[in-house]
N, C-alpha and C. Protein backbone atom coordinates (compact mmCIF):
# COMPACT_ATOMS: atom_id res chain seq x y z
N MET A 1 72.15 -18.09 -60.10
CA MET A 1 71.05 -17.23 -60.62
C MET A 1 69.73 -17.64 -60.01
N GLU A 2 69.54 -18.93 -59.98
CA GLU A 2 68.34 -19.54 -59.37
C GLU A 2 68.25 -19.30 -57.90
N ASN A 3 69.44 -19.39 -57.26
CA ASN A 3 69.56 -19.19 -55.82
C ASN A 3 69.27 -17.73 -55.45
N HIS A 4 69.72 -16.77 -56.24
CA HIS A 4 69.56 -15.36 -55.93
C HIS A 4 68.06 -15.02 -56.05
N LYS A 5 67.34 -15.61 -57.11
CA LYS A 5 65.89 -15.28 -57.28
C LYS A 5 65.13 -15.94 -56.16
N SER A 6 65.51 -17.01 -55.56
CA SER A 6 64.85 -17.63 -54.46
C SER A 6 64.97 -16.80 -53.23
N LYS A 7 66.08 -16.24 -53.00
CA LYS A 7 66.37 -15.32 -51.82
C LYS A 7 65.49 -14.14 -51.84
N ARG A 8 65.39 -13.54 -53.15
CA ARG A 8 64.64 -12.35 -53.36
C ARG A 8 63.10 -12.68 -53.10
N SER A 9 62.67 -13.81 -53.45
CA SER A 9 61.24 -14.19 -53.26
C SER A 9 60.96 -14.30 -51.76
N VAL A 10 61.96 -14.81 -51.01
CA VAL A 10 61.78 -15.04 -49.54
C VAL A 10 61.77 -13.68 -48.87
N ARG A 11 62.58 -12.72 -49.40
CA ARG A 11 62.54 -11.35 -48.86
C ARG A 11 61.20 -10.78 -49.03
N LEU A 12 60.68 -10.87 -50.22
CA LEU A 12 59.38 -10.27 -50.66
C LEU A 12 58.25 -10.86 -49.82
N ALA A 13 58.34 -12.23 -49.56
CA ALA A 13 57.30 -12.85 -48.75
C ALA A 13 57.35 -12.33 -47.29
N LEU A 14 58.59 -12.08 -46.76
CA LEU A 14 58.68 -11.50 -45.43
C LEU A 14 58.14 -10.13 -45.30
N VAL A 15 58.39 -9.30 -46.32
CA VAL A 15 57.87 -7.94 -46.31
C VAL A 15 56.41 -8.00 -46.37
N LEU A 16 55.82 -8.72 -47.31
CA LEU A 16 54.33 -8.86 -47.39
C LEU A 16 53.73 -9.34 -46.08
N GLY A 17 54.45 -10.35 -45.46
CA GLY A 17 53.85 -10.93 -44.17
C GLY A 17 53.85 -9.88 -43.06
N ALA A 18 54.92 -9.08 -43.00
CA ALA A 18 55.01 -7.97 -42.06
C ALA A 18 53.98 -7.03 -42.25
N ALA A 19 53.68 -6.64 -43.47
CA ALA A 19 52.63 -5.71 -43.86
C ALA A 19 51.29 -6.14 -43.42
N VAL A 20 50.98 -7.41 -43.72
CA VAL A 20 49.64 -7.99 -43.36
C VAL A 20 49.52 -7.96 -41.76
N ALA A 21 50.66 -8.40 -41.07
CA ALA A 21 50.56 -8.42 -39.60
C ALA A 21 50.37 -7.05 -39.10
N GLY A 22 50.99 -6.01 -39.69
CA GLY A 22 50.79 -4.64 -39.28
C GLY A 22 49.34 -4.15 -39.37
N THR A 23 48.82 -4.53 -40.51
CA THR A 23 47.38 -4.19 -40.78
C THR A 23 46.44 -4.85 -39.81
N ALA A 24 46.77 -6.12 -39.49
CA ALA A 24 45.95 -6.70 -38.43
C ALA A 24 46.01 -6.10 -37.08
N LEU A 25 47.21 -5.60 -36.68
CA LEU A 25 47.37 -4.94 -35.41
C LEU A 25 46.69 -3.59 -35.41
N VAL A 26 46.73 -2.86 -36.56
CA VAL A 26 46.00 -1.55 -36.64
C VAL A 26 44.51 -1.80 -36.58
N GLY A 27 44.12 -2.83 -37.32
CA GLY A 27 42.69 -3.14 -37.24
C GLY A 27 42.13 -3.47 -35.88
N PHE A 28 42.88 -4.35 -35.13
CA PHE A 28 42.52 -4.66 -33.79
C PHE A 28 42.50 -3.48 -32.88
N GLY A 29 43.51 -2.65 -33.03
CA GLY A 29 43.63 -1.43 -32.23
C GLY A 29 42.42 -0.50 -32.53
N GLY A 30 41.98 -0.41 -33.72
CA GLY A 30 40.82 0.50 -34.02
C GLY A 30 39.59 -0.04 -33.42
N LEU A 31 39.41 -1.32 -33.38
CA LEU A 31 38.09 -1.82 -32.75
C LEU A 31 38.12 -1.61 -31.22
N ALA A 32 39.28 -1.69 -30.66
CA ALA A 32 39.33 -1.39 -29.17
C ALA A 32 39.16 0.00 -28.84
N ALA A 33 39.54 0.97 -29.68
CA ALA A 33 39.46 2.37 -29.38
C ALA A 33 38.17 3.01 -29.65
N TRP A 34 37.35 2.45 -30.55
CA TRP A 34 36.02 2.98 -30.85
C TRP A 34 34.94 2.28 -30.09
N GLN A 35 34.14 2.92 -29.35
CA GLN A 35 33.05 2.29 -28.60
C GLN A 35 31.77 3.02 -28.69
N ALA A 36 30.66 2.32 -28.56
CA ALA A 36 29.36 2.89 -28.59
C ALA A 36 28.59 2.33 -27.48
N TYR A 37 27.82 3.09 -26.69
CA TYR A 37 26.98 2.51 -25.60
C TYR A 37 25.79 3.41 -25.35
N THR A 38 24.82 2.94 -24.70
CA THR A 38 23.68 3.64 -24.16
C THR A 38 23.71 3.63 -22.62
N GLN A 39 23.19 4.67 -22.05
CA GLN A 39 23.21 4.77 -20.55
C GLN A 39 21.83 4.91 -20.02
N ASN A 40 21.33 4.00 -19.19
CA ASN A 40 20.05 4.19 -18.54
C ASN A 40 20.37 4.56 -17.08
N ALA A 41 20.57 5.76 -16.85
CA ALA A 41 21.06 6.17 -15.48
C ALA A 41 19.76 6.64 -14.66
N GLY A 42 20.05 6.88 -13.39
CA GLY A 42 19.03 7.47 -12.51
C GLY A 42 17.99 6.49 -12.01
N ASN A 43 18.27 5.26 -12.11
CA ASN A 43 17.28 4.17 -11.59
C ASN A 43 17.22 4.28 -9.99
N ALA A 44 16.13 4.59 -9.42
CA ALA A 44 16.04 4.78 -8.00
C ALA A 44 14.63 4.42 -7.49
N PHE A 45 14.54 4.20 -6.13
CA PHE A 45 13.28 3.87 -5.51
C PHE A 45 13.05 4.77 -4.26
N ALA A 46 11.85 5.01 -3.93
CA ALA A 46 11.52 5.82 -2.76
C ALA A 46 10.23 5.23 -2.15
N VAL A 47 9.98 5.52 -0.93
CA VAL A 47 8.66 5.15 -0.31
C VAL A 47 7.88 6.37 0.06
N GLY A 48 6.63 6.46 -0.24
CA GLY A 48 5.78 7.57 0.08
C GLY A 48 5.49 7.63 1.62
N THR A 49 4.66 8.58 1.98
CA THR A 49 4.33 8.74 3.42
C THR A 49 3.00 8.13 3.71
N LEU A 50 2.90 7.70 4.95
CA LEU A 50 1.63 7.04 5.50
C LEU A 50 1.26 7.83 6.76
N SER A 51 0.18 8.68 6.62
CA SER A 51 -0.32 9.41 7.73
C SER A 51 -1.78 9.82 7.57
N HIS A 52 -2.37 10.10 8.64
CA HIS A 52 -3.83 10.52 8.65
C HIS A 52 -4.06 11.42 9.86
N THR A 53 -5.17 12.13 9.83
CA THR A 53 -5.63 13.02 10.89
C THR A 53 -6.98 12.53 11.45
N ASN A 54 -7.14 12.88 12.76
CA ASN A 54 -8.33 12.46 13.40
C ASN A 54 -8.85 13.74 14.05
N GLN A 55 -10.04 14.15 13.72
CA GLN A 55 -10.64 15.36 14.27
C GLN A 55 -12.03 15.07 14.80
N VAL A 56 -12.21 15.34 16.12
CA VAL A 56 -13.48 15.13 16.77
C VAL A 56 -14.29 16.45 16.68
N GLY A 57 -15.46 16.34 15.99
CA GLY A 57 -16.32 17.55 15.83
C GLY A 57 -15.52 18.66 15.20
N ALA A 58 -15.60 19.80 15.71
CA ALA A 58 -14.80 20.96 15.19
C ALA A 58 -13.57 21.21 16.05
N GLY A 59 -13.14 20.18 16.74
CA GLY A 59 -12.03 20.33 17.72
C GLY A 59 -10.57 20.37 17.11
N VAL A 60 -9.63 20.15 17.91
CA VAL A 60 -8.26 20.14 17.53
C VAL A 60 -7.89 18.93 16.66
N VAL A 61 -7.13 19.11 15.60
CA VAL A 61 -6.79 17.95 14.74
C VAL A 61 -5.72 17.12 15.51
N CYS A 62 -5.78 15.82 15.41
CA CYS A 62 -4.90 14.93 15.98
C CYS A 62 -4.18 14.11 14.92
N ASN A 63 -2.87 14.16 14.99
CA ASN A 63 -2.11 13.54 13.89
C ASN A 63 -1.74 12.11 14.24
N SER A 64 -1.65 11.27 13.26
CA SER A 64 -1.32 9.85 13.52
C SER A 64 0.12 9.66 13.83
N THR A 65 0.46 8.50 14.36
CA THR A 65 1.82 8.14 14.64
C THR A 65 2.16 6.90 13.90
N LEU A 66 3.47 6.59 13.61
CA LEU A 66 3.90 5.43 12.89
C LEU A 66 4.20 4.37 13.91
N SER A 67 3.18 3.91 14.60
CA SER A 67 3.32 2.83 15.65
C SER A 67 1.95 2.20 15.82
N SER A 68 2.01 1.12 16.58
CA SER A 68 0.69 0.45 16.88
C SER A 68 -0.02 1.13 18.01
N SER A 69 0.59 1.98 18.79
CA SER A 69 -0.14 2.66 19.90
C SER A 69 -0.74 3.96 19.37
N ALA A 70 -1.89 4.32 20.06
CA ALA A 70 -2.55 5.59 19.71
C ALA A 70 -1.69 6.76 20.28
N PRO A 71 -1.78 7.88 19.61
CA PRO A 71 -0.97 9.04 20.02
C PRO A 71 -1.37 9.58 21.42
N GLY A 72 -2.52 9.38 21.85
CA GLY A 72 -2.95 9.78 23.20
C GLY A 72 -3.39 11.19 23.30
N ALA A 73 -3.39 11.97 22.19
CA ALA A 73 -3.73 13.41 22.26
C ALA A 73 -5.13 13.58 21.57
N CYS A 74 -5.81 12.64 20.92
CA CYS A 74 -6.99 12.79 20.32
C CYS A 74 -8.12 13.10 21.34
N SER A 75 -9.10 13.90 20.92
CA SER A 75 -10.19 14.24 21.77
C SER A 75 -11.14 13.02 22.06
N VAL A 76 -11.92 13.08 23.01
CA VAL A 76 -12.93 12.04 23.42
C VAL A 76 -14.08 12.25 22.39
N ILE A 77 -14.53 11.15 21.83
CA ILE A 77 -15.60 11.18 20.82
C ILE A 77 -17.03 11.37 21.50
N VAL A 78 -17.25 10.58 22.50
CA VAL A 78 -18.55 10.67 23.21
C VAL A 78 -18.18 10.45 24.69
N GLY A 79 -18.97 11.11 25.61
CA GLY A 79 -18.77 11.00 27.06
C GLY A 79 -17.65 11.83 27.49
N GLY A 80 -17.21 11.65 28.70
CA GLY A 80 -16.07 12.35 29.26
C GLY A 80 -14.87 11.50 29.43
N PRO A 81 -13.73 12.06 29.54
CA PRO A 81 -12.46 11.36 29.68
C PRO A 81 -12.36 10.57 31.05
N VAL A 82 -11.52 9.70 31.11
CA VAL A 82 -11.29 8.85 32.40
C VAL A 82 -10.94 9.94 33.47
N GLY A 83 -11.56 9.83 34.58
CA GLY A 83 -11.37 10.69 35.71
C GLY A 83 -12.43 11.71 35.80
N SER A 84 -13.14 12.11 34.70
CA SER A 84 -14.32 13.03 34.73
C SER A 84 -15.27 12.59 33.74
N PRO A 85 -15.82 11.38 33.81
CA PRO A 85 -16.77 10.91 32.79
C PRO A 85 -18.17 11.71 32.97
N THR A 86 -18.93 11.62 31.84
CA THR A 86 -20.24 12.25 31.78
C THR A 86 -21.09 11.56 32.79
N GLN A 87 -21.78 12.38 33.70
CA GLN A 87 -22.63 11.76 34.72
C GLN A 87 -24.02 11.51 34.10
N LEU A 88 -24.48 10.23 34.09
CA LEU A 88 -25.79 9.92 33.53
C LEU A 88 -26.85 9.89 34.57
N THR A 89 -28.11 10.20 34.16
CA THR A 89 -29.21 10.11 35.02
C THR A 89 -30.19 9.00 34.50
N SER A 90 -31.22 8.68 35.23
CA SER A 90 -32.17 7.62 34.80
C SER A 90 -32.89 8.06 33.62
N GLU A 91 -32.90 9.28 33.29
CA GLU A 91 -33.68 9.83 32.05
C GLU A 91 -32.74 9.95 30.80
N PHE A 92 -31.53 9.51 30.97
CA PHE A 92 -30.55 9.56 29.87
C PHE A 92 -31.09 8.61 28.75
N THR A 93 -31.07 9.11 27.55
CA THR A 93 -31.63 8.26 26.33
C THR A 93 -30.58 8.05 25.31
N GLY A 94 -29.48 8.86 25.38
CA GLY A 94 -28.40 8.67 24.43
C GLY A 94 -27.69 9.97 24.04
N THR A 95 -26.59 9.79 23.46
CA THR A 95 -25.74 10.90 22.97
C THR A 95 -24.85 10.52 21.81
N SER A 96 -24.37 11.50 21.02
CA SER A 96 -23.56 11.00 19.88
C SER A 96 -22.36 12.08 19.69
N GLY A 97 -21.35 11.69 18.91
CA GLY A 97 -20.30 12.47 18.59
C GLY A 97 -19.79 12.10 17.20
N THR A 98 -19.03 13.02 16.61
CA THR A 98 -18.47 12.66 15.30
C THR A 98 -16.98 12.74 15.22
N VAL A 99 -16.34 11.98 14.47
CA VAL A 99 -14.92 12.04 14.21
C VAL A 99 -14.64 11.94 12.75
N THR A 100 -13.79 12.77 12.17
CA THR A 100 -13.38 12.86 10.78
C THR A 100 -12.04 12.31 10.62
N ILE A 101 -11.81 11.31 9.76
CA ILE A 101 -10.55 10.73 9.42
C ILE A 101 -10.15 11.22 7.99
N LYS A 102 -8.96 11.66 7.79
CA LYS A 102 -8.53 12.08 6.54
C LYS A 102 -7.09 11.47 6.20
N ASN A 103 -6.97 11.01 4.99
CA ASN A 103 -5.71 10.37 4.57
C ASN A 103 -4.80 11.56 4.12
N THR A 104 -3.80 11.98 4.99
CA THR A 104 -2.96 13.04 4.70
C THR A 104 -1.64 12.56 4.07
N GLY A 105 -1.44 11.26 3.96
CA GLY A 105 -0.18 10.74 3.32
C GLY A 105 -0.27 10.70 1.87
N SER A 106 0.83 10.31 1.21
CA SER A 106 0.87 10.23 -0.21
C SER A 106 0.63 8.82 -0.76
N LEU A 107 0.49 7.91 0.15
CA LEU A 107 0.20 6.50 -0.23
C LEU A 107 -1.39 6.23 -0.20
N SER A 108 -1.87 5.46 -1.17
CA SER A 108 -3.24 4.96 -1.01
C SER A 108 -3.32 4.07 0.14
N SER A 109 -4.41 4.09 0.89
CA SER A 109 -4.50 3.32 2.15
C SER A 109 -5.88 2.62 2.32
N THR A 110 -5.90 1.76 3.33
CA THR A 110 -7.13 1.24 3.84
C THR A 110 -7.21 1.63 5.27
N PHE A 111 -8.44 1.70 5.85
CA PHE A 111 -8.61 2.05 7.27
C PHE A 111 -9.40 1.04 7.90
N GLN A 112 -9.19 0.89 9.17
CA GLN A 112 -9.90 0.03 10.10
C GLN A 112 -10.18 0.71 11.34
N MET A 113 -11.36 0.51 11.98
CA MET A 113 -11.66 0.95 13.31
C MET A 113 -11.78 -0.24 14.21
N LEU A 114 -11.27 -0.14 15.45
CA LEU A 114 -11.40 -1.25 16.41
C LEU A 114 -11.17 -0.72 17.82
N MET A 115 -11.58 -1.67 18.82
CA MET A 115 -11.33 -1.39 20.20
C MET A 115 -10.18 -2.35 20.53
N PRO A 116 -9.00 -1.76 21.01
CA PRO A 116 -7.87 -2.63 21.41
C PRO A 116 -8.17 -3.56 22.60
N SER A 117 -9.22 -3.26 23.39
CA SER A 117 -9.54 -4.15 24.45
C SER A 117 -11.14 -3.86 24.75
N ALA A 118 -11.67 -4.93 25.47
CA ALA A 118 -13.09 -4.79 25.75
C ALA A 118 -13.39 -3.55 26.70
N PRO A 119 -14.58 -3.06 26.61
CA PRO A 119 -14.96 -1.87 27.43
C PRO A 119 -14.72 -2.24 28.93
N ALA A 120 -14.30 -1.27 29.61
CA ALA A 120 -13.95 -1.49 31.03
C ALA A 120 -14.98 -0.80 31.92
N GLY A 121 -15.48 -1.53 32.97
CA GLY A 121 -16.41 -0.94 33.90
C GLY A 121 -17.24 -1.92 34.51
N GLY A 122 -18.31 -1.50 35.17
CA GLY A 122 -19.23 -2.35 35.85
C GLY A 122 -20.45 -2.71 35.04
N ALA A 123 -21.57 -2.76 35.77
CA ALA A 123 -22.85 -3.19 35.19
C ALA A 123 -23.30 -2.20 34.15
N LEU A 124 -22.84 -0.93 34.14
CA LEU A 124 -23.32 0.02 33.19
C LEU A 124 -23.00 -0.35 31.77
N CYS A 125 -21.90 -0.96 31.45
CA CYS A 125 -21.53 -1.39 30.09
C CYS A 125 -22.66 -2.25 29.44
N SER A 126 -23.27 -3.11 30.29
CA SER A 126 -24.37 -3.98 29.77
C SER A 126 -25.60 -3.22 29.32
N ASP A 127 -25.76 -2.00 29.91
CA ASP A 127 -26.98 -1.23 29.63
C ASP A 127 -26.68 -0.16 28.48
N LEU A 128 -25.48 0.03 28.11
CA LEU A 128 -25.20 1.00 27.07
C LEU A 128 -24.84 0.28 25.73
N THR A 129 -25.32 0.93 24.67
CA THR A 129 -25.10 0.39 23.31
C THR A 129 -24.28 1.41 22.44
N LEU A 130 -23.61 0.83 21.48
CA LEU A 130 -22.77 1.68 20.55
C LEU A 130 -23.16 1.33 19.13
N THR A 131 -23.47 2.42 18.36
CA THR A 131 -23.72 2.33 16.98
C THR A 131 -22.82 3.31 16.22
N VAL A 132 -22.29 2.94 15.07
CA VAL A 132 -21.39 3.82 14.34
C VAL A 132 -21.88 3.87 12.84
N LYS A 133 -22.12 5.06 12.37
CA LYS A 133 -22.52 5.23 10.96
C LYS A 133 -21.51 6.16 10.25
N ASP A 134 -21.41 5.97 8.93
CA ASP A 134 -20.50 6.86 8.18
C ASP A 134 -21.15 8.07 7.74
N GLY A 135 -20.45 8.95 6.99
CA GLY A 135 -20.93 10.14 6.54
C GLY A 135 -21.49 10.20 5.15
N GLU A 136 -21.74 8.99 4.63
CA GLU A 136 -22.29 8.99 3.21
C GLU A 136 -23.84 9.32 3.31
N SER A 137 -24.38 9.56 2.06
CA SER A 137 -25.77 9.93 2.03
C SER A 137 -26.52 8.93 1.08
N PRO A 138 -27.35 8.09 1.65
CA PRO A 138 -27.77 7.98 3.13
C PRO A 138 -26.59 7.28 3.93
N ALA A 139 -26.54 7.65 5.16
CA ALA A 139 -25.57 7.09 6.02
C ALA A 139 -25.66 5.53 6.20
N ALA A 140 -24.56 4.90 6.07
CA ALA A 140 -24.47 3.47 6.14
C ALA A 140 -23.94 3.07 7.53
N THR A 141 -24.48 2.03 8.09
CA THR A 141 -24.09 1.59 9.45
C THR A 141 -22.83 0.69 9.22
N VAL A 142 -21.74 1.15 9.89
CA VAL A 142 -20.48 0.36 9.81
C VAL A 142 -20.31 -0.51 11.04
N TYR A 143 -20.97 -0.18 12.16
CA TYR A 143 -20.96 -0.96 13.35
C TYR A 143 -22.35 -0.97 13.96
N PRO A 144 -23.06 -2.04 13.88
CA PRO A 144 -24.40 -2.11 14.35
C PRO A 144 -24.58 -1.89 15.84
N MET A 145 -25.76 -1.56 16.31
CA MET A 145 -26.05 -1.31 17.72
C MET A 145 -25.67 -2.56 18.45
N THR A 146 -24.71 -2.40 19.43
CA THR A 146 -24.11 -3.53 20.10
C THR A 146 -23.89 -3.07 21.61
N ALA A 147 -24.20 -3.92 22.50
CA ALA A 147 -23.99 -3.66 23.93
C ALA A 147 -22.46 -3.54 24.17
N LEU A 148 -22.10 -2.62 25.03
CA LEU A 148 -20.67 -2.38 25.33
C LEU A 148 -20.17 -3.40 26.31
N THR A 149 -20.25 -4.68 25.97
CA THR A 149 -19.81 -5.73 26.74
C THR A 149 -18.62 -6.56 26.15
N ALA A 150 -18.42 -6.35 24.89
CA ALA A 150 -17.28 -7.09 24.25
C ALA A 150 -16.44 -6.13 23.39
N GLN A 151 -15.30 -6.64 23.10
CA GLN A 151 -14.32 -5.92 22.34
C GLN A 151 -14.71 -5.82 20.86
N MET A 152 -14.63 -4.58 20.25
CA MET A 152 -14.91 -4.48 18.82
C MET A 152 -13.80 -5.02 18.02
N ALA A 153 -14.15 -6.00 17.20
CA ALA A 153 -13.10 -6.46 16.24
C ALA A 153 -12.83 -5.48 15.12
N PRO A 154 -11.71 -5.58 14.35
CA PRO A 154 -11.50 -4.57 13.31
C PRO A 154 -12.51 -4.44 12.28
N VAL A 155 -12.97 -3.32 12.00
CA VAL A 155 -14.05 -2.97 11.03
C VAL A 155 -13.48 -2.25 9.95
N ALA A 156 -13.66 -2.64 8.70
CA ALA A 156 -13.12 -1.87 7.46
C ALA A 156 -13.98 -0.70 7.24
N LEU A 157 -13.35 0.43 6.97
CA LEU A 157 -13.94 1.70 6.78
C LEU A 157 -13.77 2.14 5.32
N ASN A 158 -14.85 2.73 4.74
CA ASN A 158 -14.81 3.28 3.40
C ASN A 158 -14.64 4.86 3.48
N SER A 159 -14.05 5.35 2.33
CA SER A 159 -13.96 6.81 2.29
C SER A 159 -15.37 7.41 2.00
N SER A 160 -15.52 8.70 1.92
CA SER A 160 -16.85 9.35 1.71
C SER A 160 -17.36 8.89 0.29
N ALA A 161 -16.49 8.46 -0.63
CA ALA A 161 -16.95 8.07 -1.84
C ALA A 161 -17.43 6.60 -1.87
N GLY A 162 -17.45 5.88 -0.71
CA GLY A 162 -17.82 4.65 -0.51
C GLY A 162 -16.87 3.56 -1.03
N ILE A 163 -15.54 3.99 -1.12
CA ILE A 163 -14.48 3.20 -1.61
C ILE A 163 -13.55 2.65 -0.47
N ALA A 164 -13.16 1.35 -0.53
CA ALA A 164 -12.37 0.79 0.59
C ALA A 164 -10.93 1.32 0.53
N THR A 165 -10.46 1.66 -0.69
CA THR A 165 -9.07 2.22 -0.74
C THR A 165 -9.17 3.74 -0.78
N TRP A 166 -8.50 4.37 0.13
CA TRP A 166 -8.51 5.78 0.24
C TRP A 166 -7.37 6.40 -0.36
N ALA A 167 -7.60 7.34 -1.36
CA ALA A 167 -6.44 8.03 -1.97
C ALA A 167 -6.12 9.23 -1.15
N GLN A 168 -4.97 9.85 -1.60
CA GLN A 168 -4.50 10.96 -0.77
C GLN A 168 -5.66 12.06 -0.74
N ASN A 169 -5.81 12.57 0.54
CA ASN A 169 -6.81 13.67 0.94
C ASN A 169 -8.28 13.11 0.94
N ASP A 170 -8.48 11.82 0.71
CA ASP A 170 -9.78 11.20 0.94
C ASP A 170 -10.14 11.35 2.45
N SER A 171 -11.41 11.46 2.70
CA SER A 171 -11.83 11.51 4.14
C SER A 171 -13.23 10.98 4.25
N ASN A 172 -13.64 10.85 5.57
CA ASN A 172 -15.01 10.39 5.91
C ASN A 172 -15.30 10.87 7.33
N THR A 173 -16.51 11.09 7.62
CA THR A 173 -16.90 11.39 9.00
C THR A 173 -17.82 10.35 9.57
N PHE A 174 -17.47 9.90 10.74
CA PHE A 174 -18.25 8.79 11.37
C PHE A 174 -18.93 9.28 12.66
N THR A 175 -20.21 8.83 12.80
CA THR A 175 -20.99 9.24 13.93
C THR A 175 -21.06 8.16 14.91
N PHE A 176 -20.65 8.35 16.18
CA PHE A 176 -20.75 7.38 17.22
C PHE A 176 -21.90 7.69 18.11
N THR A 177 -22.86 6.77 18.20
CA THR A 177 -24.04 7.07 19.00
C THR A 177 -24.05 6.11 20.23
N ILE A 178 -24.13 6.53 21.39
CA ILE A 178 -24.31 5.76 22.67
C ILE A 178 -25.82 5.88 22.99
N GLY A 179 -26.39 4.62 23.07
CA GLY A 179 -27.78 4.47 23.56
C GLY A 179 -27.86 3.55 24.73
N VAL A 180 -29.09 3.39 25.18
CA VAL A 180 -29.35 2.61 26.34
C VAL A 180 -30.30 1.51 26.06
N THR A 181 -30.21 0.37 26.82
CA THR A 181 -31.21 -0.65 26.66
C THR A 181 -32.43 -0.31 27.40
N SER A 182 -33.50 -1.14 27.09
CA SER A 182 -34.88 -0.85 27.61
C SER A 182 -34.89 -0.88 29.15
N GLY A 183 -33.90 -1.61 29.74
CA GLY A 183 -34.01 -1.81 31.23
C GLY A 183 -33.10 -0.86 31.99
N TYR A 184 -32.44 0.01 31.23
CA TYR A 184 -31.45 0.92 31.89
C TYR A 184 -32.02 1.79 33.06
N SER A 185 -33.11 2.39 32.80
CA SER A 185 -33.65 3.34 33.80
C SER A 185 -34.16 2.75 35.09
N THR A 186 -34.30 1.40 35.11
CA THR A 186 -34.82 0.79 36.32
C THR A 186 -33.78 -0.23 36.85
N ASP A 187 -32.57 -0.17 36.32
CA ASP A 187 -31.51 -1.10 36.72
C ASP A 187 -30.59 -0.50 37.81
N ASP A 188 -30.95 -0.88 39.12
CA ASP A 188 -30.29 -0.31 40.23
C ASP A 188 -28.76 -0.74 40.32
N SER A 189 -28.41 -1.68 39.56
CA SER A 189 -27.04 -2.26 39.65
C SER A 189 -26.07 -1.27 38.97
N VAL A 190 -26.50 -0.43 38.18
CA VAL A 190 -25.66 0.51 37.51
C VAL A 190 -25.20 1.73 38.37
N LEU A 191 -25.92 1.89 39.47
CA LEU A 191 -25.58 3.06 40.32
C LEU A 191 -24.17 2.95 40.85
N GLY A 192 -23.41 4.04 40.71
CA GLY A 192 -22.07 4.15 41.17
C GLY A 192 -21.05 3.51 40.28
N THR A 193 -21.47 2.94 39.07
CA THR A 193 -20.52 2.27 38.21
C THR A 193 -20.21 3.20 36.93
N SER A 194 -19.26 2.74 36.21
CA SER A 194 -18.89 3.50 35.06
C SER A 194 -18.59 2.56 33.88
N CYS A 195 -18.36 3.05 32.69
CA CYS A 195 -18.00 2.23 31.50
C CYS A 195 -17.20 3.14 30.64
N GLY A 196 -16.02 2.61 30.17
CA GLY A 196 -15.20 3.28 29.30
C GLY A 196 -14.59 2.41 28.22
N PHE A 197 -14.34 2.99 27.08
CA PHE A 197 -13.79 2.26 25.97
C PHE A 197 -12.83 3.16 25.04
N THR A 198 -12.06 2.56 24.32
CA THR A 198 -11.11 3.23 23.42
C THR A 198 -11.29 2.80 22.01
N ILE A 199 -11.31 3.78 21.14
CA ILE A 199 -11.46 3.49 19.68
C ILE A 199 -10.12 3.90 19.02
N ASN A 200 -9.57 2.93 18.29
CA ASN A 200 -8.42 3.15 17.45
C ASN A 200 -8.72 3.16 15.98
N PHE A 201 -8.16 4.04 15.20
CA PHE A 201 -8.21 4.00 13.79
C PHE A 201 -6.87 3.66 13.19
N VAL A 202 -6.86 2.56 12.44
CA VAL A 202 -5.56 1.96 11.96
C VAL A 202 -5.52 2.14 10.39
N GLN A 203 -4.42 2.61 9.92
CA GLN A 203 -4.20 2.91 8.55
C GLN A 203 -3.11 1.97 7.97
N ALA A 204 -3.33 1.37 6.81
CA ALA A 204 -2.32 0.49 6.18
C ALA A 204 -2.27 0.83 4.71
N SER A 205 -1.05 0.86 4.20
CA SER A 205 -0.80 1.17 2.82
C SER A 205 -1.23 -0.01 1.86
N VAL A 206 -1.65 0.26 0.74
CA VAL A 206 -1.97 -0.80 -0.26
C VAL A 206 -1.19 -0.67 -1.56
């Protein structure tokens, strides 16, 4: 009688153990099947555009290039081009021209003006001077009167609002004035000589 009761207790314990084990499996399976998550999709990056225009007077607009070299199609600011320069006389006192720079890209930028090399020519360069002023009111001198004998180092340029960082569509007009020294009209060494220089406008994103 005692032995029979003991066997029945063992069977009951086995049944209860199997039930608990089954419950554990169902519980584990339920945790694996149900999930919750959040998704932060669409993370991406892009680079805006860097470009500007150069317009001499009311002439043709010249577009920038993404390289260190000038595009070669911009108009002459003052004087005549190489091969047909403006012919000066002893009575020449000076001339000027304007160039307008506009930030046409989507990136905020800074601008610099420079001569990639020293003015080329003979004695005439020593008798000519260059002054550059901006289009603000009153106009500010961005490059003081200097004889055309040395290379122009990079000069920072402000927008018409007087700000060093140019936003999209910001612009400014710069006046280039060529003058002469006091000894120009009596300097016989300039006869038959010429003087030429190149101006680059360089844009960099900020």
